[in-house]
Amino acid sequence: MAAKKILMLVGDYAEDYETMVPFQTLLAVGHKVDAVCPDKVAGDSVRTAIHDFEGDQTYSEKRGHNFTLNADFEGASAADYDALVIPGGRAPEYLRLNPKVIALVKDFHSANKPIAAVCHGAQILAAADIIRDRKISAYPACAPEVQLAGGTYMDIAIDGAHTDGNLVTAPAWPAHPQWMAQFLAVLGTKIDL
C-alpha cells in the first residue's frame, strides 16, 4: 500500500475525539496527515471540546485537549493531498465562513478525492455546496442544513457511517470504527493483521 497524504481541517473547539482519533488512526496505518487551521501555523494549537451524550436534549460540552497543528493552512492545496478529513464540534460553524476553506473543500470535491466528515463537519460540506443529490450523515441537529443544501440526510445509528461516492460521513464520534473503516476502504488502504 502506498501511503496517502491527507489534509485534516480543524479549528478551535473541534470535537476532541473526532480530531484525535482519526489523526492517530490514519498515522497508525502509515498515512501522512497534515492538520491545519486557518490563521494558524505549524506548532500552534487549537483547543478542542469533548461532546458527550448524557441524557440531555443535546450533547454536553467540556473542555478537551490542546491539539498541535503540524502544517500551515496557507498554501494548502487539494492538488498536494489524496484526501480530506473534517472533524465536527463547534469549529465547522465558523470555518464554513472562511472563503478559503470553502474553496479548498470544493477543490477536493471537484477532483473526486475522498472526503471524510463527521458530526457538524457536514456544515462545511453544505456551505461548499457539494452535497446536492448526495446521501449524507451528520449529527441530527445538522439535518436541516443537509436538506437545505439539497442532500438527503441519512438518519443512521450514532455508531454508523455512510459512504456516497467520495464522501464518507458519520453522525458523531461513536461511529469512529465504521467511519474510519469506510474511509480507509475509499482510500484503498489495505491492512494485514
N, C-alpha and C. Protein backbone atom coordinates (compact mmCIF):
# COMPACT_ATOMS: atom_id res chain seq x y z
N MET A 1 0.84 -1.18 0.00
CA MET A 1 0.00 0.00 0.00
C MET A 1 0.88 1.24 0.00
N ALA A 2 0.62 2.12 -0.90
CA ALA A 2 1.33 3.40 -0.91
C ALA A 2 0.68 4.33 0.11
N ALA A 3 1.50 4.97 0.91
CA ALA A 3 0.98 5.90 1.91
C ALA A 3 0.28 7.06 1.21
N LYS A 4 -0.82 7.49 1.77
CA LYS A 4 -1.57 8.63 1.26
C LYS A 4 -1.23 9.86 2.08
N LYS A 5 -1.36 11.01 1.46
CA LYS A 5 -1.16 12.28 2.15
C LYS A 5 -2.55 12.89 2.36
N ILE A 6 -2.89 13.10 3.62
CA ILE A 6 -4.24 13.51 3.99
C ILE A 6 -4.19 14.85 4.70
N LEU A 7 -5.11 15.72 4.34
CA LEU A 7 -5.25 17.03 4.99
C LEU A 7 -6.40 16.93 5.99
N MET A 8 -6.15 17.37 7.23
CA MET A 8 -7.20 17.43 8.24
C MET A 8 -7.44 18.90 8.57
N LEU A 9 -8.69 19.33 8.45
CA LEU A 9 -9.08 20.72 8.65
C LEU A 9 -9.71 20.87 10.03
N VAL A 10 -9.03 21.56 10.93
CA VAL A 10 -9.52 21.73 12.30
C VAL A 10 -9.59 23.20 12.66
N GLY A 11 -10.18 23.46 13.81
CA GLY A 11 -10.26 24.81 14.34
C GLY A 11 -10.52 24.72 15.83
N ASP A 12 -10.46 25.86 16.50
CA ASP A 12 -10.75 25.86 17.93
C ASP A 12 -12.14 25.27 18.18
N TYR A 13 -12.19 24.43 19.16
CA TYR A 13 -13.40 23.73 19.61
C TYR A 13 -13.91 22.71 18.60
N ALA A 14 -12.98 22.20 17.78
CA ALA A 14 -13.30 20.96 17.07
C ALA A 14 -13.50 19.91 18.15
N GLU A 15 -14.31 18.91 17.86
CA GLU A 15 -14.56 17.87 18.87
C GLU A 15 -13.28 17.08 19.09
N ASP A 16 -12.91 16.90 20.35
CA ASP A 16 -11.65 16.27 20.74
C ASP A 16 -11.47 14.90 20.11
N TYR A 17 -12.39 13.98 20.34
CA TYR A 17 -12.26 12.61 19.82
C TYR A 17 -12.29 12.61 18.29
N GLU A 18 -13.12 13.46 17.72
CA GLU A 18 -13.27 13.48 16.26
C GLU A 18 -12.04 14.07 15.57
N THR A 19 -11.17 14.68 16.35
CA THR A 19 -9.90 15.19 15.84
C THR A 19 -8.78 14.19 16.14
N MET A 20 -8.64 13.83 17.40
CA MET A 20 -7.52 12.97 17.83
C MET A 20 -7.57 11.58 17.21
N VAL A 21 -8.73 10.93 17.29
CA VAL A 21 -8.81 9.52 16.86
C VAL A 21 -8.52 9.35 15.37
N PRO A 22 -9.17 10.10 14.47
CA PRO A 22 -8.83 9.91 13.06
C PRO A 22 -7.38 10.29 12.74
N PHE A 23 -6.88 11.34 13.37
CA PHE A 23 -5.50 11.75 13.15
C PHE A 23 -4.56 10.59 13.50
N GLN A 24 -4.74 10.01 14.68
CA GLN A 24 -3.88 8.92 15.13
C GLN A 24 -4.11 7.64 14.34
N THR A 25 -5.36 7.35 13.99
CA THR A 25 -5.67 6.15 13.21
C THR A 25 -4.99 6.19 11.85
N LEU A 26 -5.11 7.31 11.19
CA LEU A 26 -4.52 7.43 9.85
C LEU A 26 -2.99 7.36 9.90
N LEU A 27 -2.39 7.94 10.94
CA LEU A 27 -0.95 7.81 11.11
C LEU A 27 -0.57 6.35 11.39
N ALA A 28 -1.37 5.67 12.22
CA ALA A 28 -1.05 4.30 12.61
C ALA A 28 -1.03 3.34 11.43
N VAL A 29 -1.82 3.62 10.41
CA VAL A 29 -1.84 2.73 9.24
C VAL A 29 -0.86 3.18 8.16
N GLY A 30 -0.04 4.19 8.47
CA GLY A 30 1.03 4.56 7.57
C GLY A 30 0.81 5.78 6.70
N HIS A 31 -0.33 6.46 6.85
CA HIS A 31 -0.56 7.65 6.05
C HIS A 31 0.10 8.88 6.69
N LYS A 32 0.33 9.90 5.91
CA LYS A 32 0.83 11.17 6.41
C LYS A 32 -0.37 12.10 6.56
N VAL A 33 -0.51 12.72 7.71
CA VAL A 33 -1.65 13.59 7.97
C VAL A 33 -1.14 14.98 8.34
N ASP A 34 -1.56 15.99 7.59
CA ASP A 34 -1.26 17.38 7.91
C ASP A 34 -2.51 18.00 8.52
N ALA A 35 -2.40 18.41 9.78
CA ALA A 35 -3.51 19.07 10.47
C ALA A 35 -3.30 20.57 10.38
N VAL A 36 -4.31 21.27 9.84
CA VAL A 36 -4.19 22.71 9.60
C VAL A 36 -5.41 23.46 10.12
N CYS A 37 -5.23 24.75 10.35
CA CYS A 37 -6.31 25.64 10.77
C CYS A 37 -6.05 27.02 10.17
N PRO A 38 -7.07 27.64 9.60
CA PRO A 38 -6.88 29.00 9.08
C PRO A 38 -6.34 29.93 10.17
N ASP A 39 -5.47 30.83 9.76
CA ASP A 39 -4.88 31.85 10.64
C ASP A 39 -3.96 31.28 11.71
N LYS A 40 -3.55 30.01 11.56
CA LYS A 40 -2.58 29.41 12.48
C LYS A 40 -1.53 28.69 11.65
N VAL A 41 -0.37 28.42 12.26
CA VAL A 41 0.73 27.77 11.57
C VAL A 41 1.15 26.52 12.34
N ALA A 42 1.98 25.71 11.70
CA ALA A 42 2.52 24.52 12.35
C ALA A 42 3.14 24.90 13.69
N GLY A 43 2.84 24.11 14.71
CA GLY A 43 3.34 24.38 16.05
C GLY A 43 2.31 25.09 16.92
N ASP A 44 1.37 25.83 16.30
CA ASP A 44 0.27 26.41 17.07
C ASP A 44 -0.66 25.27 17.48
N SER A 45 -1.54 25.57 18.42
CA SER A 45 -2.51 24.54 18.80
C SER A 45 -3.92 25.12 18.75
N VAL A 46 -4.87 24.21 18.66
CA VAL A 46 -6.28 24.56 18.77
C VAL A 46 -6.81 23.91 20.05
N ARG A 47 -7.77 24.56 20.65
CA ARG A 47 -8.44 23.98 21.81
C ARG A 47 -9.54 23.07 21.28
N THR A 48 -9.70 21.92 21.89
CA THR A 48 -10.78 21.03 21.48
C THR A 48 -11.86 21.01 22.56
N ALA A 49 -13.00 20.45 22.20
CA ALA A 49 -14.12 20.29 23.12
C ALA A 49 -14.55 18.83 23.11
N ILE A 50 -14.96 18.35 24.25
CA ILE A 50 -15.47 16.98 24.36
C ILE A 50 -16.99 17.07 24.40
N HIS A 51 -17.62 16.48 23.42
CA HIS A 51 -19.08 16.42 23.37
C HIS A 51 -19.50 15.03 23.82
N ASP A 52 -20.43 14.99 24.74
CA ASP A 52 -20.86 13.70 25.27
C ASP A 52 -22.38 13.63 25.26
N PHE A 53 -22.87 12.42 25.35
CA PHE A 53 -24.31 12.16 25.32
C PHE A 53 -24.69 11.64 26.69
N GLU A 54 -25.26 12.53 27.52
CA GLU A 54 -25.51 12.21 28.93
C GLU A 54 -26.99 12.24 29.28
N GLY A 55 -27.84 12.07 28.27
CA GLY A 55 -29.27 12.02 28.52
C GLY A 55 -29.99 13.35 28.43
N ASP A 56 -29.28 14.41 28.08
CA ASP A 56 -29.92 15.71 27.91
C ASP A 56 -30.53 15.78 26.51
N GLN A 57 -31.19 16.89 26.21
CA GLN A 57 -31.81 17.04 24.91
C GLN A 57 -30.78 17.20 23.79
N THR A 58 -29.59 17.59 24.12
CA THR A 58 -28.49 17.66 23.15
C THR A 58 -27.21 17.24 23.86
N TYR A 59 -26.11 17.27 23.18
CA TYR A 59 -24.84 16.86 23.78
C TYR A 59 -24.39 17.88 24.82
N SER A 60 -23.60 17.41 25.78
CA SER A 60 -22.94 18.32 26.71
C SER A 60 -21.56 18.65 26.15
N GLU A 61 -20.97 19.73 26.65
CA GLU A 61 -19.65 20.13 26.16
C GLU A 61 -18.73 20.43 27.33
N LYS A 62 -17.53 19.85 27.24
CA LYS A 62 -16.50 20.09 28.22
C LYS A 62 -15.20 20.43 27.48
N ARG A 63 -14.30 21.08 28.15
CA ARG A 63 -13.01 21.44 27.55
C ARG A 63 -12.23 20.16 27.27
N GLY A 64 -11.67 20.09 26.07
CA GLY A 64 -10.84 18.95 25.68
C GLY A 64 -9.37 19.28 25.75
N HIS A 65 -8.57 18.52 25.05
CA HIS A 65 -7.12 18.70 25.00
C HIS A 65 -6.75 19.82 24.03
N ASN A 66 -5.53 20.29 24.12
CA ASN A 66 -4.97 21.12 23.07
C ASN A 66 -4.45 20.17 22.00
N PHE A 67 -4.69 20.51 20.75
CA PHE A 67 -4.24 19.70 19.62
C PHE A 67 -3.26 20.54 18.82
N THR A 68 -2.04 20.06 18.67
CA THR A 68 -0.99 20.81 17.99
C THR A 68 -1.05 20.58 16.48
N LEU A 69 -1.07 21.68 15.76
CA LEU A 69 -1.07 21.62 14.30
C LEU A 69 0.33 21.26 13.81
N ASN A 70 0.41 20.51 12.73
CA ASN A 70 1.71 20.12 12.21
C ASN A 70 1.98 20.65 10.79
N ALA A 71 1.10 21.52 10.31
CA ALA A 71 1.27 22.11 8.97
C ALA A 71 0.55 23.46 8.95
N ASP A 72 0.81 24.22 7.89
CA ASP A 72 0.20 25.54 7.72
C ASP A 72 -1.00 25.47 6.79
N PHE A 73 -2.06 26.19 7.12
CA PHE A 73 -3.23 26.27 6.25
C PHE A 73 -2.90 27.05 4.98
N GLU A 74 -2.20 28.19 5.14
CA GLU A 74 -1.84 29.00 3.97
C GLU A 74 -1.04 28.15 3.01
N GLY A 75 -1.43 28.14 1.78
CA GLY A 75 -0.72 27.37 0.77
C GLY A 75 -1.19 25.93 0.65
N ALA A 76 -2.06 25.48 1.56
CA ALA A 76 -2.59 24.11 1.44
C ALA A 76 -3.43 24.04 0.17
N SER A 77 -3.17 23.01 -0.62
CA SER A 77 -3.86 22.85 -1.89
C SER A 77 -4.34 21.41 -2.05
N ALA A 78 -5.53 21.24 -2.55
CA ALA A 78 -6.05 19.90 -2.80
C ALA A 78 -5.13 19.11 -3.72
N ALA A 79 -4.43 19.80 -4.61
CA ALA A 79 -3.53 19.13 -5.55
C ALA A 79 -2.39 18.41 -4.83
N ASP A 80 -2.08 18.82 -3.60
CA ASP A 80 -0.97 18.23 -2.85
C ASP A 80 -1.39 17.08 -1.94
N TYR A 81 -2.69 16.75 -1.92
CA TYR A 81 -3.20 15.74 -0.99
C TYR A 81 -4.08 14.73 -1.71
N ASP A 82 -4.19 13.57 -1.08
CA ASP A 82 -5.03 12.50 -1.61
C ASP A 82 -6.44 12.51 -1.04
N ALA A 83 -6.63 13.16 0.12
CA ALA A 83 -7.94 13.12 0.78
C ALA A 83 -8.03 14.23 1.82
N LEU A 84 -9.25 14.45 2.30
CA LEU A 84 -9.55 15.49 3.28
C LEU A 84 -10.38 14.90 4.41
N VAL A 85 -10.06 15.30 5.66
CA VAL A 85 -10.84 14.90 6.84
C VAL A 85 -11.33 16.16 7.53
N ILE A 86 -12.64 16.17 7.86
CA ILE A 86 -13.25 17.31 8.54
C ILE A 86 -13.92 16.83 9.82
N PRO A 87 -13.27 17.06 10.98
CA PRO A 87 -13.91 16.72 12.25
C PRO A 87 -15.08 17.65 12.55
N GLY A 88 -15.92 17.23 13.48
CA GLY A 88 -17.05 18.04 13.88
C GLY A 88 -16.73 18.93 15.07
N GLY A 89 -17.71 19.10 15.92
CA GLY A 89 -17.60 20.03 17.03
C GLY A 89 -18.11 21.40 16.62
N ARG A 90 -17.68 22.42 17.32
CA ARG A 90 -18.15 23.77 17.00
C ARG A 90 -17.31 24.44 15.91
N ALA A 91 -16.13 23.93 15.63
CA ALA A 91 -15.26 24.56 14.63
C ALA A 91 -15.93 24.73 13.26
N PRO A 92 -16.65 23.73 12.74
CA PRO A 92 -17.24 23.91 11.41
C PRO A 92 -18.19 25.11 11.28
N GLU A 93 -18.84 25.51 12.37
CA GLU A 93 -19.79 26.61 12.26
C GLU A 93 -19.11 27.91 11.88
N TYR A 94 -17.84 28.11 12.27
CA TYR A 94 -17.14 29.33 11.84
C TYR A 94 -16.16 29.06 10.70
N LEU A 95 -15.62 27.86 10.60
CA LEU A 95 -14.72 27.57 9.47
C LEU A 95 -15.45 27.72 8.13
N ARG A 96 -16.75 27.40 8.12
CA ARG A 96 -17.52 27.49 6.87
C ARG A 96 -17.71 28.93 6.39
N LEU A 97 -17.39 29.88 7.24
CA LEU A 97 -17.50 31.29 6.85
C LEU A 97 -16.25 31.79 6.15
N ASN A 98 -15.20 30.96 6.12
CA ASN A 98 -13.93 31.35 5.51
C ASN A 98 -13.94 30.94 4.04
N PRO A 99 -13.87 31.91 3.12
CA PRO A 99 -13.91 31.59 1.69
C PRO A 99 -12.79 30.65 1.24
N LYS A 100 -11.61 30.73 1.89
CA LYS A 100 -10.51 29.83 1.51
C LYS A 100 -10.81 28.40 1.92
N VAL A 101 -11.48 28.21 3.03
CA VAL A 101 -11.89 26.87 3.45
C VAL A 101 -12.86 26.29 2.43
N ILE A 102 -13.84 27.08 2.06
CA ILE A 102 -14.86 26.62 1.11
C ILE A 102 -14.21 26.29 -0.24
N ALA A 103 -13.32 27.14 -0.71
CA ALA A 103 -12.64 26.88 -1.99
C ALA A 103 -11.82 25.60 -1.92
N LEU A 104 -11.15 25.37 -0.80
CA LEU A 104 -10.34 24.16 -0.64
C LEU A 104 -11.21 22.91 -0.67
N VAL A 105 -12.32 22.93 0.04
CA VAL A 105 -13.24 21.78 0.05
C VAL A 105 -13.80 21.53 -1.35
N LYS A 106 -14.17 22.59 -2.05
CA LYS A 106 -14.67 22.44 -3.41
C LYS A 106 -13.60 21.83 -4.33
N ASP A 107 -12.35 22.22 -4.13
CA ASP A 107 -11.27 21.67 -4.94
C ASP A 107 -11.10 20.17 -4.71
N PHE A 108 -11.16 19.74 -3.46
CA PHE A 108 -11.09 18.31 -3.17
C PHE A 108 -12.24 17.57 -3.85
N HIS A 109 -13.41 18.16 -3.74
CA HIS A 109 -14.60 17.50 -4.29
C HIS A 109 -14.56 17.46 -5.82
N SER A 110 -14.18 18.56 -6.45
CA SER A 110 -14.17 18.57 -7.92
C SER A 110 -13.11 17.61 -8.47
N ALA A 111 -12.09 17.31 -7.69
CA ALA A 111 -11.08 16.33 -8.09
C ALA A 111 -11.50 14.91 -7.70
N ASN A 112 -12.70 14.78 -7.14
CA ASN A 112 -13.26 13.49 -6.71
C ASN A 112 -12.34 12.77 -5.71
N LYS A 113 -11.70 13.55 -4.85
CA LYS A 113 -10.85 12.97 -3.82
C LYS A 113 -11.71 12.63 -2.60
N PRO A 114 -11.34 11.58 -1.86
CA PRO A 114 -12.13 11.20 -0.68
C PRO A 114 -12.20 12.33 0.35
N ILE A 115 -13.40 12.52 0.88
CA ILE A 115 -13.63 13.50 1.94
C ILE A 115 -14.39 12.78 3.04
N ALA A 116 -13.83 12.81 4.25
CA ALA A 116 -14.48 12.24 5.43
C ALA A 116 -14.92 13.38 6.33
N ALA A 117 -16.19 13.41 6.67
CA ALA A 117 -16.71 14.44 7.58
C ALA A 117 -17.57 13.75 8.63
N VAL A 118 -17.45 14.22 9.86
CA VAL A 118 -18.21 13.62 10.96
C VAL A 118 -18.93 14.74 11.71
N CYS A 119 -20.10 14.41 12.22
CA CYS A 119 -20.86 15.29 13.11
C CYS A 119 -21.19 16.62 12.41
N HIS A 120 -20.75 17.74 12.98
CA HIS A 120 -21.02 19.05 12.41
C HIS A 120 -20.14 19.38 11.21
N GLY A 121 -19.24 18.48 10.82
CA GLY A 121 -18.44 18.67 9.62
C GLY A 121 -19.31 18.85 8.39
N ALA A 122 -20.53 18.31 8.45
CA ALA A 122 -21.48 18.47 7.34
C ALA A 122 -21.82 19.93 7.08
N GLN A 123 -21.67 20.79 8.08
CA GLN A 123 -21.93 22.21 7.88
C GLN A 123 -20.98 22.79 6.82
N ILE A 124 -19.75 22.32 6.82
CA ILE A 124 -18.79 22.79 5.82
C ILE A 124 -19.13 22.22 4.45
N LEU A 125 -19.52 20.94 4.41
CA LEU A 125 -19.92 20.34 3.13
C LEU A 125 -21.12 21.07 2.54
N ALA A 126 -22.09 21.42 3.39
CA ALA A 126 -23.28 22.13 2.92
C ALA A 126 -22.91 23.53 2.42
N ALA A 127 -22.06 24.23 3.16
CA ALA A 127 -21.66 25.58 2.77
C ALA A 127 -20.87 25.57 1.46
N ALA A 128 -20.15 24.48 1.20
CA ALA A 128 -19.38 24.36 -0.04
C ALA A 128 -20.26 23.91 -1.20
N ASP A 129 -21.52 23.63 -0.92
CA ASP A 129 -22.50 23.22 -1.94
C ASP A 129 -22.01 22.00 -2.73
N ILE A 130 -21.57 20.97 -1.97
CA ILE A 130 -21.10 19.75 -2.64
C ILE A 130 -21.94 18.53 -2.30
N ILE A 131 -23.07 18.74 -1.60
CA ILE A 131 -23.86 17.57 -1.19
C ILE A 131 -25.21 17.47 -1.91
N ARG A 132 -25.43 18.34 -2.86
CA ARG A 132 -26.67 18.29 -3.62
C ARG A 132 -26.81 16.91 -4.26
N ASP A 133 -27.99 16.28 -4.04
CA ASP A 133 -28.30 14.95 -4.58
C ASP A 133 -27.40 13.85 -4.03
N ARG A 134 -26.80 14.07 -2.86
CA ARG A 134 -25.96 13.07 -2.21
C ARG A 134 -26.61 12.65 -0.90
N LYS A 135 -26.27 11.47 -0.43
CA LYS A 135 -26.76 10.95 0.86
C LYS A 135 -25.67 11.17 1.89
N ILE A 136 -26.02 11.96 2.92
CA ILE A 136 -25.04 12.44 3.90
C ILE A 136 -25.54 12.17 5.32
N SER A 137 -24.65 11.66 6.15
CA SER A 137 -24.94 11.55 7.57
C SER A 137 -24.29 12.73 8.28
N ALA A 138 -24.79 13.05 9.45
CA ALA A 138 -24.26 14.15 10.26
C ALA A 138 -24.93 14.06 11.62
N TYR A 139 -24.47 14.89 12.54
CA TYR A 139 -25.18 14.98 13.81
C TYR A 139 -26.62 15.41 13.49
N PRO A 140 -27.62 14.82 14.16
CA PRO A 140 -29.02 15.11 13.81
C PRO A 140 -29.38 16.60 13.75
N ALA A 141 -28.74 17.43 14.56
CA ALA A 141 -29.04 18.87 14.53
C ALA A 141 -28.63 19.52 13.22
N CYS A 142 -27.81 18.83 12.42
CA CYS A 142 -27.38 19.36 11.12
C CYS A 142 -28.27 18.88 9.98
N ALA A 143 -29.26 18.04 10.27
CA ALA A 143 -30.15 17.52 9.23
C ALA A 143 -30.77 18.64 8.39
N PRO A 144 -31.30 19.72 9.00
CA PRO A 144 -31.88 20.78 8.17
C PRO A 144 -30.87 21.40 7.20
N GLU A 145 -29.63 21.55 7.61
CA GLU A 145 -28.62 22.13 6.72
C GLU A 145 -28.32 21.20 5.56
N VAL A 146 -28.23 19.90 5.85
CA VAL A 146 -28.01 18.92 4.79
C VAL A 146 -29.15 19.00 3.78
N GLN A 147 -30.38 19.02 4.28
CA GLN A 147 -31.55 19.04 3.40
C GLN A 147 -31.66 20.35 2.62
N LEU A 148 -31.40 21.48 3.28
CA LEU A 148 -31.46 22.76 2.59
C LEU A 148 -30.38 22.90 1.51
N ALA A 149 -29.28 22.15 1.67
CA ALA A 149 -28.21 22.17 0.67
C ALA A 149 -28.47 21.15 -0.44
N GLY A 150 -29.66 20.52 -0.41
CA GLY A 150 -30.04 19.60 -1.48
C GLY A 150 -29.61 18.17 -1.27
N GLY A 151 -29.07 17.86 -0.08
CA GLY A 151 -28.67 16.49 0.22
C GLY A 151 -29.79 15.71 0.87
N THR A 152 -29.63 14.41 0.89
CA THR A 152 -30.55 13.55 1.63
C THR A 152 -29.88 13.21 2.95
N TYR A 153 -30.52 13.58 4.06
CA TYR A 153 -29.96 13.30 5.38
C TYR A 153 -30.17 11.83 5.71
N MET A 154 -29.08 11.14 6.01
CA MET A 154 -29.12 9.73 6.38
C MET A 154 -29.23 9.63 7.90
N ASP A 155 -30.41 9.28 8.38
CA ASP A 155 -30.68 9.16 9.81
C ASP A 155 -30.27 7.74 10.23
N ILE A 156 -29.00 7.57 10.53
CA ILE A 156 -28.46 6.26 10.86
C ILE A 156 -28.09 6.21 12.34
N ALA A 157 -27.76 5.03 12.82
CA ALA A 157 -27.35 4.86 14.21
C ALA A 157 -26.13 5.74 14.51
N ILE A 158 -26.03 6.17 15.76
CA ILE A 158 -24.94 7.06 16.17
C ILE A 158 -23.57 6.42 15.96
N ASP A 159 -23.53 5.08 15.88
CA ASP A 159 -22.25 4.40 15.66
C ASP A 159 -22.10 3.89 14.22
N GLY A 160 -22.93 4.41 13.32
CA GLY A 160 -22.87 4.01 11.92
C GLY A 160 -22.18 5.07 11.08
N ALA A 161 -21.93 4.74 9.83
CA ALA A 161 -21.34 5.68 8.87
C ALA A 161 -21.96 5.39 7.51
N HIS A 162 -21.82 6.34 6.60
CA HIS A 162 -22.39 6.18 5.27
C HIS A 162 -21.40 6.68 4.21
N THR A 163 -21.25 5.90 3.16
CA THR A 163 -20.39 6.30 2.04
C THR A 163 -21.26 6.54 0.81
N ASP A 164 -21.06 7.69 0.18
CA ASP A 164 -21.72 8.02 -1.08
C ASP A 164 -20.63 8.55 -2.00
N GLY A 165 -20.12 7.67 -2.85
CA GLY A 165 -19.03 8.06 -3.75
C GLY A 165 -17.78 8.41 -2.97
N ASN A 166 -17.31 9.66 -3.13
CA ASN A 166 -16.10 10.10 -2.44
C ASN A 166 -16.36 10.64 -1.04
N LEU A 167 -17.63 10.72 -0.63
CA LEU A 167 -17.98 11.29 0.67
C LEU A 167 -18.27 10.19 1.68
N VAL A 168 -17.55 10.24 2.81
CA VAL A 168 -17.76 9.30 3.91
C VAL A 168 -18.16 10.13 5.12
N THR A 169 -19.38 9.92 5.61
CA THR A 169 -19.90 10.76 6.69
C THR A 169 -20.45 9.90 7.83
N ALA A 170 -20.50 10.52 9.01
CA ALA A 170 -20.98 9.83 10.20
C ALA A 170 -21.58 10.84 11.16
N PRO A 171 -22.47 10.38 12.07
CA PRO A 171 -23.15 11.30 12.97
C PRO A 171 -22.32 11.86 14.13
N ALA A 172 -21.38 11.08 14.66
CA ALA A 172 -20.62 11.55 15.83
C ALA A 172 -19.51 10.55 16.15
N TRP A 173 -18.71 10.88 17.16
CA TRP A 173 -17.53 10.08 17.49
C TRP A 173 -17.81 8.61 17.80
N PRO A 174 -18.98 8.19 18.29
CA PRO A 174 -19.17 6.75 18.48
C PRO A 174 -19.07 5.96 17.17
N ALA A 175 -19.13 6.65 16.04
CA ALA A 175 -19.05 5.99 14.73
C ALA A 175 -17.62 5.79 14.24
N HIS A 176 -16.62 6.17 15.02
CA HIS A 176 -15.25 6.08 14.54
C HIS A 176 -14.89 4.74 13.89
N PRO A 177 -15.21 3.59 14.49
CA PRO A 177 -14.83 2.33 13.82
C PRO A 177 -15.41 2.20 12.42
N GLN A 178 -16.68 2.50 12.25
CA GLN A 178 -17.31 2.40 10.93
C GLN A 178 -16.83 3.51 10.00
N TRP A 179 -16.74 4.72 10.52
CA TRP A 179 -16.34 5.88 9.71
C TRP A 179 -14.93 5.70 9.17
N MET A 180 -14.01 5.34 10.05
CA MET A 180 -12.62 5.16 9.61
C MET A 180 -12.49 3.94 8.71
N ALA A 181 -13.21 2.86 9.00
CA ALA A 181 -13.15 1.66 8.13
C ALA A 181 -13.62 2.00 6.72
N GLN A 182 -14.73 2.73 6.61
CA GLN A 182 -15.24 3.09 5.29
C GLN A 182 -14.31 4.09 4.59
N PHE A 183 -13.74 5.03 5.34
CA PHE A 183 -12.81 5.99 4.75
C PHE A 183 -11.56 5.27 4.25
N LEU A 184 -11.02 4.34 5.04
CA LEU A 184 -9.85 3.59 4.62
C LEU A 184 -10.16 2.76 3.37
N ALA A 185 -11.37 2.24 3.27
CA ALA A 185 -11.76 1.49 2.07
C ALA A 185 -11.78 2.40 0.84
N VAL A 186 -12.33 3.60 0.98
CA VAL A 186 -12.37 4.55 -0.13
C VAL A 186 -10.95 4.96 -0.52
N LEU A 187 -10.07 5.08 0.48
CA LEU A 187 -8.66 5.42 0.21
C LEU A 187 -7.91 4.28 -0.46
N GLY A 188 -8.45 3.06 -0.34
CA GLY A 188 -7.76 1.89 -0.88
C GLY A 188 -6.71 1.34 0.07
N THR A 189 -6.83 1.69 1.34
CA THR A 189 -5.87 1.23 2.35
C THR A 189 -6.14 -0.24 2.68
N LYS A 190 -5.10 -1.05 2.61
CA LYS A 190 -5.19 -2.46 2.96
C LYS A 190 -4.43 -2.67 4.26
N ILE A 191 -5.05 -3.33 5.20
CA ILE A 191 -4.41 -3.62 6.48
C ILE A 191 -4.32 -5.13 6.63
N ASP A 192 -3.11 -5.62 6.80
CA ASP A 192 -2.89 -7.05 7.01
C ASP A 192 -2.61 -7.29 8.48
N LEU A 193 -3.42 -8.15 9.08
CA LEU A 193 -3.24 -8.45 10.51
C LEU A 193 -2.56 -9.78 10.70
